[in-house]
Protein backbone atom coordinates (compact mmCIF):
# COMPACT_ATOMS: atom_id res chain seq x y z
CA MET A 1 -13.44 -11.03 123.26
CA SER A 2 -11.48 -10.82 120.02
CA SER A 3 -10.20 -13.77 118.10
CA PRO A 4 -6.53 -14.77 118.59
CA ASN A 5 -5.59 -13.79 115.04
CA SER A 6 -7.12 -10.29 115.17
CA ALA A 7 -3.62 -8.77 115.11
CA CYS A 8 -3.28 -9.92 111.48
CA LYS A 9 -6.59 -8.47 110.32
CA LYS A 10 -6.68 -5.28 108.31
CA LYS A 11 -7.50 -2.19 110.31
CA LEU A 12 -9.67 -0.46 107.70
CA TYR A 13 -10.94 2.11 110.18
CA LYS A 14 -7.48 3.70 110.12
CA CYS A 15 -7.76 4.62 106.41
CA ARG A 16 -11.20 6.14 106.06
CA PRO A 17 -11.81 7.78 102.66
CA GLY A 18 -11.19 11.50 102.82
CA ALA A 19 -9.62 11.37 106.28
CA ALA A 20 -6.13 12.82 106.21
CA THR A 21 -3.88 10.88 108.56
CA PRO A 22 -0.64 12.59 109.59
CA VAL A 23 2.41 10.84 108.11
CA ASP A 24 6.01 11.44 109.18
CA THR A 25 7.90 12.83 106.15
CA HIS A 26 11.63 13.33 105.73
CA SER A 27 12.64 16.25 103.48
CA SER A 28 16.29 15.90 104.43
CA ARG A 29 18.33 14.19 107.12
CA ARG A 30 17.50 16.88 109.64
CA GLN A 31 14.09 18.08 108.53
CA ARG A 32 11.11 15.94 109.51
CA ARG A 33 7.45 16.99 109.47
CA LEU A 34 4.05 15.48 110.00
CA ARG A 35 2.01 16.01 106.85
CA PRO A 36 -1.61 15.06 106.22
CA CYS A 37 -1.97 12.19 103.76
CA ASP A 38 -4.95 10.09 102.72
CA ALA A 39 -4.97 6.57 101.30
CA ALA A 40 -6.12 7.66 97.82
CA THR A 41 -3.15 10.03 97.45
CA LEU A 42 -0.74 7.28 98.46
CA GLU A 43 -2.33 4.84 96.00
CA ASN A 44 -2.17 7.37 93.14
CA GLY A 45 1.48 8.09 93.91
CA VAL A 46 2.35 4.39 93.82
CA ARG A 47 0.45 3.89 90.56
CA GLN A 48 2.26 6.84 88.96
CA ALA A 49 5.65 5.55 90.09
CA LEU A 50 4.89 2.13 88.58
CA ALA A 51 3.68 3.71 85.33
CA ASP A 52 6.87 5.80 85.10
CA ARG A 53 9.00 2.70 85.67
CA ILE A 54 7.15 0.71 83.02
CA SER A 55 7.38 3.52 80.45
CA ASP A 56 11.15 3.75 81.01
CA ASN A 57 11.48 0.02 80.34
CA LEU A 58 9.24 0.24 77.27
CA VAL A 59 11.59 2.70 75.59
CA GLY A 60 14.29 0.01 75.50
CA LEU A 61 11.88 -2.64 74.22
CA LEU A 62 10.20 -0.69 71.42
CA PRO A 63 12.98 -1.02 68.83
CA ARG A 64 12.77 -4.83 69.17
CA ILE A 65 9.02 -5.10 68.54
CA ARG A 66 8.08 -5.50 64.88
CA CYS A 67 4.32 -4.95 65.07
CA LEU A 68 2.13 -3.45 67.78
CA VAL A 69 -1.66 -3.59 67.59
CA GLY A 70 -3.93 -2.31 70.31
CA GLU A 71 -6.69 -0.03 71.42
CA TRP A 72 -6.73 3.13 73.47
CA HIS A 73 -9.30 4.64 75.82
CA VAL A 74 -9.85 8.21 77.02
CA LEU A 75 -10.13 8.82 80.76
CA PRO A 76 -12.00 12.14 81.04
CA GLU A 77 -11.69 12.16 84.83
CA HIS A 78 -7.91 12.54 84.32
CA GLY A 79 -8.37 15.45 81.91
CA GLN A 80 -7.71 13.42 78.77
CA THR A 81 -9.21 14.11 75.38
CA PRO A 82 -9.10 11.85 72.30
CA ALA A 83 -6.71 14.30 70.63
CA SER A 84 -4.31 14.28 73.60
CA VAL A 85 -4.29 10.48 73.84
CA MET A 86 -3.66 10.13 70.09
CA HIS A 87 -0.87 12.73 70.26
CA ASN A 88 0.81 11.01 73.23
CA LEU A 89 0.58 7.59 71.59
CA ARG A 90 2.01 8.91 68.33
CA SER A 91 4.85 10.76 70.08
CA ILE A 92 5.89 7.59 71.96
CA LEU A 93 5.82 5.28 68.94
CA ALA A 94 6.83 7.57 66.05
CA ALA A 95 10.57 7.44 66.77
CA THR A 96 10.78 3.72 65.97
CA HIS A 97 7.53 2.80 64.21
CA GLN A 98 5.18 3.89 61.44
CA VAL A 99 1.95 4.59 63.31
CA GLU A 100 -1.67 4.38 62.19
CA ILE A 101 -4.24 5.60 64.71
CA GLY A 102 -7.99 5.29 64.27
CA ARG A 103 -10.87 6.57 66.36
CA ARG A 104 -14.46 5.45 66.78
CA ALA A 105 -16.77 8.38 66.13
CA GLY A 106 -18.60 9.78 69.13
CA VAL A 107 -16.80 7.77 71.82
CA GLY A 108 -13.45 8.10 73.58
CA LEU A 109 -11.76 5.01 72.23
CA GLY A 110 -9.95 3.85 69.16
CA TYR A 111 -7.25 1.55 67.87
CA PHE A 112 -3.67 1.79 66.70
CA ARG A 113 -1.19 -0.20 64.64
CA ALA A 114 2.53 0.42 64.62
CA MET A 115 4.99 -1.26 62.24
CA LEU A 116 8.75 -1.11 62.78
CA LYS A 117 10.45 1.33 60.37
């Protein structure tokens, strides 16, 4: 017999890794389809949407920040290289700040400092 609060427990068996569960999608008001979707794809989509939202908000904040100091890391599993990360960081900050970017030799990480122009 199950416990009385089993209705509130997570049903992890429904989201097995790699198993594509059909999800009802709406392309338009009239067009609906069942499409396969796994939990990892949903999670990545949510993470990307949050990252896009944060980057939009950062654009408005950057001109107000006098000094930024931080470090960056390369994620090779996402196809990043140290050169691409440094280029992206410089392109984001160069419009409002003077940017200095350093890199540790032999590893995929480094630091940056940006001073308001």
